[in-house]
């Protein structure tokens, strides 16, 4: 815990805005059931947004379960 004086000194180094965002995107093919899971970190600190990090996470499996019977009946 910081006292008032220490907080005043730390204040200029604290921020409530962010320039990096992470996203996890999932693509799923119906009816074959194939999927791909990608994770990306987007950096907005420069003048042009850029992908700072991109990772294929498919080998870890789906992050949630899907009812494939329900997906097939929507066609």
PDB file of N, CA and C in Angstrom:
ATOM      1  N   UNK A   1       0.844  -1.181   0.000  1.00  0.00           N
ATOM      2  CA  UNK A   1       0.000   0.000   0.000  1.00  0.00           C
ATOM      3  C   UNK A   1       0.885   1.239   0.000  1.00  0.00           C
ATOM      4  N   UNK A   2       0.471   2.223  -0.773  1.00  0.00           N
ATOM      5  CA  UNK A   2       1.238   3.457  -0.891  1.00  0.00           C
ATOM      6  C   UNK A   2       0.620   4.547  -0.036  1.00  0.00           C
ATOM      7  N   UNK A   3       1.475   5.334   0.581  1.00  0.00           N
ATOM      8  CA  UNK A   3       0.954   6.511   1.269  1.00  0.00           C
ATOM      9  C   UNK A   3       0.774   7.627   0.238  1.00  0.00           C
ATOM     10  N   UNK A   4       0.225   8.763   0.638  1.00  0.00           N
ATOM     11  CA  UNK A   4      -0.108   9.844  -0.291  1.00  0.00           C
ATOM     12  C   UNK A   4       1.125  10.366  -1.028  1.00  0.00           C
ATOM     13  N   UNK A   5       2.228  10.520  -0.350  1.00  0.00           N
ATOM     14  CA  UNK A   5       3.450  11.049  -0.973  1.00  0.00           C
ATOM     15  C   UNK A   5       4.012  10.079  -2.017  1.00  0.00           C
ATOM     16  N   UNK A   6       4.052   8.798  -1.687  1.00  0.00           N
ATOM     17  CA  UNK A   6       4.546   7.802  -2.638  1.00  0.00           C
ATOM     18  C   UNK A   6       3.634   7.716  -3.862  1.00  0.00           C
ATOM     19  N   UNK A   7       2.325   7.870  -3.648  1.00  0.00           N
ATOM     20  CA  UNK A   7       1.395   7.834  -4.773  1.00  0.00           C
ATOM     21  C   UNK A   7       1.606   9.030  -5.698  1.00  0.00           C
ATOM     22  N   UNK A   8       1.868  10.195  -5.143  1.00  0.00           N
ATOM     23  CA  UNK A   8       2.144  11.382  -5.961  1.00  0.00           C
ATOM     24  C   UNK A   8       3.377  11.164  -6.835  1.00  0.00           C
ATOM     25  N   UNK A   9       4.375  10.490  -6.304  1.00  0.00           N
ATOM     26  CA  UNK A   9       5.587  10.226  -7.085  1.00  0.00           C
ATOM     27  C   UNK A   9       5.336   9.183  -8.173  1.00  0.00           C
ATOM     28  N   UNK A  10       4.501   8.196  -7.881  1.00  0.00           N
ATOM     29  CA  UNK A  10       4.236   7.137  -8.848  1.00  0.00           C
ATOM     30  C   UNK A  10       3.201   7.555  -9.893  1.00  0.00           C
ATOM     31  N   UNK A  11       2.388   8.549  -9.608  1.00  0.00           N
ATOM     32  CA  UNK A  11       1.299   8.981 -10.477  1.00  0.00           C
ATOM     33  C   UNK A  11       1.655   9.191 -11.936  1.00  0.00           C
ATOM     34  N   UNK A  12       2.748   9.892 -12.263  1.00  0.00           N
ATOM     35  CA  UNK A  12       3.072  10.122 -13.674  1.00  0.00           C
ATOM     36  C   UNK A  12       3.376   8.834 -14.454  1.00  0.00           C
ATOM     37  N   UNK A  13       3.664   7.748 -13.777  1.00  0.00           N
ATOM     38  CA  UNK A  13       4.007   6.490 -14.444  1.00  0.00           C
ATOM     39  C   UNK A  13       2.808   5.548 -14.590  1.00  0.00           C
ATOM     40  N   UNK A  14       1.641   5.926 -14.073  1.00  0.00           N
ATOM     41  CA  UNK A  14       0.432   5.112 -14.142  1.00  0.00           C
ATOM     42  C   UNK A  14      -0.445   5.594 -15.286  1.00  0.00           C
ATOM     43  N   UNK A  15      -1.114   4.688 -15.933  1.00  0.00           N
ATOM     44  CA  UNK A  15      -2.007   5.044 -17.032  1.00  0.00           C
ATOM     45  C   UNK A  15      -3.236   4.142 -17.033  1.00  0.00           C
ATOM     46  N   UNK A  16      -4.301   4.645 -17.594  1.00  0.00           N
ATOM     47  CA  UNK A  16      -5.524   3.854 -17.709  1.00  0.00           C
ATOM     48  C   UNK A  16      -5.796   3.488 -19.162  1.00  0.00           C
ATOM     49  N   UNK A  17      -4.911   3.875 -20.061  1.00  0.00           N
ATOM     50  CA  UNK A  17      -5.114   3.513 -21.464  1.00  0.00           C
ATOM     51  C   UNK A  17      -4.126   2.438 -21.877  1.00  0.00           C
ATOM     52  N   UNK A  18      -4.481   1.759 -22.943  1.00  0.00           N
ATOM     53  CA  UNK A  18      -3.645   0.656 -23.394  1.00  0.00           C
ATOM     54  C   UNK A  18      -3.411   0.775 -24.889  1.00  0.00           C
ATOM     55  N   UNK A  19      -2.233   0.354 -25.314  1.00  0.00           N
ATOM     56  CA  UNK A  19      -1.898   0.357 -26.728  1.00  0.00           C
ATOM     57  C   UNK A  19      -1.695  -1.055 -27.263  1.00  0.00           C
ATOM     58  N   UNK A  20      -1.808  -2.056 -26.422  1.00  0.00           N
ATOM     59  CA  UNK A  20      -1.687  -3.438 -26.854  1.00  0.00           C
ATOM     60  C   UNK A  20      -2.969  -4.183 -26.494  1.00  0.00           C
ATOM     61  N   UNK A  21      -3.459  -4.932 -27.461  1.00  0.00           N
ATOM     62  CA  UNK A  21      -4.675  -5.713 -27.267  1.00  0.00           C
ATOM     63  C   UNK A  21      -4.415  -7.135 -27.737  1.00  0.00           C
ATOM     64  N   UNK A  22      -5.036  -8.094 -27.084  1.00  0.00           N
ATOM     65  CA  UNK A  22      -4.897  -9.482 -27.523  1.00  0.00           C
ATOM     66  C   UNK A  22      -6.253  -9.985 -28.005  1.00  0.00           C
ATOM     67  N   UNK A  23      -6.194 -10.874 -28.979  1.00  0.00           N
ATOM     68  CA  UNK A  23      -7.415 -11.453 -29.542  1.00  0.00           C
ATOM     69  C   UNK A  23      -7.176 -12.926 -29.802  1.00  0.00           C
ATOM     70  N   UNK A  24      -8.185 -13.726 -29.556  1.00  0.00           N
ATOM     71  CA  UNK A  24      -8.148 -15.148 -29.890  1.00  0.00           C
ATOM     72  C   UNK A  24      -9.278 -15.384 -30.886  1.00  0.00           C
ATOM     73  N   UNK A  25      -8.919 -15.812 -32.076  1.00  0.00           N
ATOM     74  CA  UNK A  25      -9.878 -16.009 -33.164  1.00  0.00           C
ATOM     75  C   UNK A  25     -10.019 -17.488 -33.461  1.00  0.00           C
ATOM     76  N   UNK A  26     -11.253 -17.921 -33.657  1.00  0.00           N
ATOM     77  CA  UNK A  26     -11.532 -19.329 -33.920  1.00  0.00           C
ATOM     78  C   UNK A  26     -12.336 -19.420 -35.208  1.00  0.00           C
ATOM     79  N   UNK A  27     -11.825 -20.216 -36.142  1.00  0.00           N
ATOM     80  CA  UNK A  27     -12.553 -20.500 -37.371  1.00  0.00           C
ATOM     81  C   UNK A  27     -12.980 -21.955 -37.352  1.00  0.00           C
ATOM     82  N   UNK A  28     -14.248 -22.200 -37.675  1.00  0.00           N
ATOM     83  CA  UNK A  28     -14.788 -23.549 -37.595  1.00  0.00           C
ATOM     84  C   UNK A  28     -15.532 -23.849 -38.884  1.00  0.00           C
ATOM     85  N   UNK A  29     -15.220 -24.988 -39.516  1.00  0.00           N
ATOM     86  CA  UNK A  29     -15.873 -25.386 -40.757  1.00  0.00           C
ATOM     87  C   UNK A  29     -16.995 -26.367 -40.516  1.00  0.00           C
ATOM     88  N   UNK A  30     -18.186 -26.041 -41.048  1.00  0.00           N
ATOM     89  CA  UNK A  30     -19.337 -26.922 -40.946  1.00  0.00           C
ATOM     90  C   UNK A  30     -19.571 -27.481 -42.339  1.00  0.00           C
ATOM     91  N   UNK A  31     -19.788 -28.724 -42.596  1.00  0.00           N
ATOM     92  CA  UNK A  31     -20.033 -29.826 -41.672  1.00  0.00           C
ATOM     93  C   UNK A  31     -18.787 -30.641 -41.359  1.00  0.00           C
ATOM     94  N   UNK A  32     -17.633 -30.284 -41.923  1.00  0.00           N
ATOM     95  CA  UNK A  32     -16.453 -31.142 -41.761  1.00  0.00           C
ATOM     96  C   UNK A  32     -15.903 -31.135 -40.335  1.00  0.00           C
ATOM     97  N   UNK A  33     -16.116 -30.054 -39.585  1.00  0.00           N
ATOM     98  CA  UNK A  33     -15.662 -30.001 -38.201  1.00  0.00           C
ATOM     99  C   UNK A  33     -14.219 -29.558 -38.028  1.00  0.00           C
ATOM    100  N   UNK A  34     -13.564 -29.175 -39.107  1.00  0.00           N
ATOM    101  CA  UNK A  34     -12.182 -28.686 -38.969  1.00  0.00           C
ATOM    102  C   UNK A  34     -12.198 -27.284 -38.386  1.00  0.00           C
ATOM    103  N   UNK A  35     -11.163 -26.970 -37.640  1.00  0.00           N
ATOM    104  CA  UNK A  35     -11.092 -25.655 -37.011  1.00  0.00           C
ATOM    105  C   UNK A  35      -9.645 -25.184 -36.933  1.00  0.00           C
ATOM    106  N   UNK A  36      -9.494 -23.889 -36.669  1.00  0.00           N
ATOM    107  CA  UNK A  36      -8.182 -23.281 -36.479  1.00  0.00           C
ATOM    108  C   UNK A  36      -8.335 -22.236 -35.373  1.00  0.00           C
ATOM    109  N   UNK A  37      -7.377 -22.191 -34.451  1.00  0.00           N
ATOM    110  CA  UNK A  37      -7.392 -21.235 -33.349  1.00  0.00           C
ATOM    111  C   UNK A  37      -6.112 -20.407 -33.432  1.00  0.00           C
ATOM    112  N   UNK A  38      -6.259 -19.091 -33.535  1.00  0.00           N
ATOM    113  CA  UNK A  38      -5.123 -18.182 -33.604  1.00  0.00           C
ATOM    114  C   UNK A  38      -5.191 -17.182 -32.462  1.00  0.00           C
ATOM    115  N   UNK A  39      -4.031 -16.812 -31.949  1.00  0.00           N
ATOM    116  CA  UNK A  39      -3.930 -15.772 -30.929  1.00  0.00           C
ATOM    117  C   UNK A  39      -3.039 -14.674 -31.485  1.00  0.00           C
ATOM    118  N   UNK A  40      -3.470 -13.428 -31.334  1.00  0.00           N
ATOM    119  CA  UNK A  40      -2.704 -12.298 -31.855  1.00  0.00           C
ATOM    120  C   UNK A  40      -2.605 -11.208 -30.803  1.00  0.00           C
ATOM    121  N   UNK A  41      -1.486 -10.491 -30.814  1.00  0.00           N
ATOM    122  CA  UNK A  41      -1.326  -9.293 -30.006  1.00  0.00           C
ATOM    123  C   UNK A  41      -1.169  -8.139 -30.983  1.00  0.00           C
ATOM    124  N   UNK A  42      -2.058  -7.160 -30.862  1.00  0.00           N
ATOM    125  CA  UNK A  42      -2.056  -6.001 -31.745  1.00  0.00           C
ATOM    126  C   UNK A  42      -1.466  -4.812 -31.012  1.00  0.00           C
ATOM    127  N   UNK A  43      -0.530  -4.113 -31.657  1.00  0.00           N
ATOM    128  CA  UNK A  43       0.152  -2.968 -31.059  1.00  0.00           C
ATOM    129  C   UNK A  43      -0.303  -1.704 -31.771  1.00  0.00           C
ATOM    130  N   UNK A  44      -0.894  -0.779 -31.018  1.00  0.00           N
ATOM    131  CA  UNK A  44      -1.404   0.467 -31.566  1.00  0.00           C
ATOM    132  C   UNK A  44      -0.557   1.664 -31.162  1.00  0.00           C
ATOM    133  N   UNK A  45       0.611   1.438 -30.594  1.00  0.00           N
ATOM    134  CA  UNK A  45       1.420   2.539 -30.078  1.00  0.00           C
ATOM    135  C   UNK A  45       2.071   3.366 -31.172  1.00  0.00           C
ATOM    136  N   UNK A  46       2.322   2.779 -32.333  1.00  0.00           N
ATOM    137  CA  UNK A  46       2.897   3.529 -33.447  1.00  0.00           C
ATOM    138  C   UNK A  46       1.808   4.217 -34.241  1.00  0.00           C
ATOM    139  N   UNK A  47       2.177   4.831 -35.336  1.00  0.00           N
ATOM    140  CA  UNK A  47       1.195   5.501 -36.176  1.00  0.00           C
ATOM    141  C   UNK A  47       0.281   4.525 -36.892  1.00  0.00           C
ATOM    142  N   UNK A  48       0.786   3.336 -37.197  1.00  0.00           N
ATOM    143  CA  UNK A  48       0.022   2.329 -37.921  1.00  0.00           C
ATOM    144  C   UNK A  48      -0.109   1.087 -37.041  1.00  0.00           C
ATOM    145  N   UNK A  49      -1.345   0.567 -36.844  1.00  0.00           N
ATOM    146  CA  UNK A  49      -1.487  -0.662 -36.053  1.00  0.00           C
ATOM    147  C   UNK A  49      -0.702  -1.806 -36.688  1.00  0.00           C
ATOM    148  N   UNK A  50      -0.120  -2.658 -35.840  1.00  0.00           N
ATOM    149  CA  UNK A  50       0.645  -3.796 -36.355  1.00  0.00           C
ATOM    150  C   UNK A  50       0.383  -5.019 -35.496  1.00  0.00           C
ATOM    151  N   UNK A  51       0.567  -6.190 -36.104  1.00  0.00           N
ATOM    152  CA  UNK A  51       0.475  -7.450 -35.374  1.00  0.00           C
ATOM    153  C   UNK A  51       1.834  -7.695 -34.747  1.00  0.00           C
ATOM    154  N   UNK A  52       1.907  -7.583 -33.425  1.00  0.00           N
ATOM    155  CA  UNK A  52       3.179  -7.752 -32.724  1.00  0.00           C
ATOM    156  C   UNK A  52       3.490  -9.224 -32.467  1.00  0.00           C
ATOM    157  N   UNK A  53       2.461 -10.047 -32.426  1.00  0.00           N
ATOM    158  CA  UNK A  53       2.639 -11.457 -32.079  1.00  0.00           C
ATOM    159  C   UNK A  53       1.490 -12.243 -32.681  1.00  0.00           C
ATOM    160  N   UNK A  54       1.802 -13.364 -33.303  1.00  0.00           N
ATOM    161  CA  UNK A  54       0.782 -14.225 -33.875  1.00  0.00           C
ATOM    162  C   UNK A  54       1.170 -15.665 -33.607  1.00  0.00           C
ATOM    163  N   UNK A  55       0.240 -16.433 -33.030  1.00  0.00           N
ATOM    164  CA  UNK A  55       0.538 -17.820 -32.680  1.00  0.00           C
ATOM    165  C   UNK A  55      -0.640 -18.705 -33.055  1.00  0.00           C
ATOM    166  N   UNK A  56      -0.327 -19.838 -33.674  1.00  0.00           N
ATOM    167  CA  UNK A  56      -1.330 -20.843 -33.992  1.00  0.00           C
ATOM    168  C   UNK A  56      -1.492 -21.743 -32.767  1.00  0.00           C
ATOM    169  N   UNK A  57      -2.668 -21.735 -32.171  1.00  0.00           N
ATOM    170  CA  UNK A  57      -2.923 -22.496 -30.947  1.00  0.00           C
ATOM    171  C   UNK A  57      -3.828 -23.697 -31.198  1.00  0.00           C
ATOM    172  N   UNK A  58      -3.981 -24.099 -32.456  1.00  0.00           N
ATOM    173  CA  UNK A  58      -4.881 -25.186 -32.811  1.00  0.00           C
ATOM    174  C   UNK A  58      -4.538 -26.479 -32.085  1.00  0.00           C
ATOM    175  N   UNK A  59      -3.256 -26.756 -31.919  1.00  0.00           N
ATOM    176  CA  UNK A  59      -2.848 -28.024 -31.299  1.00  0.00           C
ATOM    177  C   UNK A  59      -3.308 -28.152 -29.850  1.00  0.00           C
ATOM    178  N   UNK A  60      -3.694 -27.046 -29.227  1.00  0.00           N
ATOM    179  CA  UNK A  60      -4.174 -27.085 -27.843  1.00  0.00           C
ATOM    180  C   UNK A  60      -5.656 -27.440 -27.760  1.00  0.00           C
ATOM    181  N   UNK A  61      -6.334 -27.510 -28.907  1.00  0.00           N
ATOM    182  CA  UNK A  61      -7.747 -27.854 -28.922  1.00  0.00           C
ATOM    183  C   UNK A  61      -8.635 -26.634 -28.849  1.00  0.00           C
ATOM    184  N   UNK A  62      -9.926 -26.874 -28.983  1.00  0.00           N
ATOM    185  CA  UNK A  62     -10.895 -25.783 -28.877  1.00  0.00           C
ATOM    186  C   UNK A  62     -10.972 -25.303 -27.426  1.00  0.00           C
ATOM    187  N   UNK A  63     -11.091 -23.997 -27.212  1.00  0.00           N
ATOM    188  CA  UNK A  63     -11.184 -23.488 -25.839  1.00  0.00           C
ATOM    189  C   UNK A  63     -12.556 -23.697 -25.214  1.00  0.00           C
ATOM    190  N   UNK A  64     -13.495 -24.244 -25.973  1.00  0.00           N
ATOM    191  CA  UNK A  64     -14.833 -24.535 -25.462  1.00  0.00           C
ATOM    192  C   UNK A  64     -15.405 -25.684 -26.281  1.00  0.00           C
ATOM    193  N   UNK A  65     -16.453 -26.292 -25.803  1.00  0.00           N
ATOM    194  CA  UNK A  65     -17.043 -27.418 -26.527  1.00  0.00           C
ATOM    195  C   UNK A  65     -18.123 -26.907 -27.486  1.00  0.00           C
ATOM    196  N   UNK A  66     -18.260 -27.607 -28.607  1.00  0.00           N
ATOM    197  CA  UNK A  66     -19.281 -27.267 -29.594  1.00  0.00           C
ATOM    198  C   UNK A  66     -20.227 -28.433 -29.776  1.00  0.00           C
ATOM    199  N   UNK A  67     -21.499 -28.140 -29.906  1.00  0.00           N
ATOM    200  CA  UNK A  67     -22.498 -29.157 -30.207  1.00  0.00           C
ATOM    201  C   UNK A  67     -22.583 -29.253 -31.730  1.00  0.00           C
ATOM    202  N   UNK A  68     -21.836 -30.180 -32.310  1.00  0.00           N
ATOM    203  CA  UNK A  68     -21.764 -30.298 -33.765  1.00  0.00           C
ATOM    204  C   UNK A  68     -23.087 -30.743 -34.365  1.00  0.00           C
ATOM    205  N   UNK A  69     -23.916 -31.451 -33.639  1.00  0.00           N
ATOM    206  CA  UNK A  69     -25.244 -31.831 -34.150  1.00  0.00           C
ATOM    207  C   UNK A  69     -26.102 -30.587 -34.370  1.00  0.00           C
ATOM    208  N   UNK A  70     -26.026 -29.653 -33.461  1.00  0.00           N
ATOM    209  CA  UNK A  70     -26.787 -28.399 -33.576  1.00  0.00           C
ATOM    210  C   UNK A  70     -26.275 -27.574 -34.750  1.00  0.00           C
ATOM    211  N   UNK A  71     -24.948 -27.522 -34.931  1.00  0.00           N
ATOM    212  CA  UNK A  71     -24.374 -26.764 -36.045  1.00  0.00           C
ATOM    213  C   UNK A  71     -24.802 -27.354 -37.387  1.00  0.00           C
ATOM    214  N   UNK A  72     -24.852 -28.663 -37.513  1.00  0.00           N
ATOM    215  CA  UNK A  72     -25.240 -29.305 -38.747  1.00  0.00           C
ATOM    216  C   UNK A  72     -26.695 -29.084 -39.110  1.00  0.00           C
ATOM    217  N   UNK A  73     -27.556 -28.904 -38.126  1.00  0.00           N
ATOM    218  CA  UNK A  73     -28.979 -28.726 -38.409  1.00  0.00           C
ATOM    219  C   UNK A  73     -29.334 -27.301 -38.825  1.00  0.00           C
ATOM    220  N   UNK A  74     -28.406 -26.364 -38.724  1.00  0.00           N
ATOM    221  CA  UNK A  74     -28.663 -24.962 -39.062  1.00  0.00           C
ATOM    222  C   UNK A  74     -28.560 -24.688 -40.550  1.00  0.00           C
ATOM    223  N   UNK A  75     -28.116 -25.679 -41.351  1.00  0.00           N
ATOM    224  CA  UNK A  75     -27.920 -25.438 -42.779  1.00  0.00           C
ATOM    225  C   UNK A  75     -29.182 -25.329 -43.523  1.00  0.00           C
TER     226      UNK A  75
END
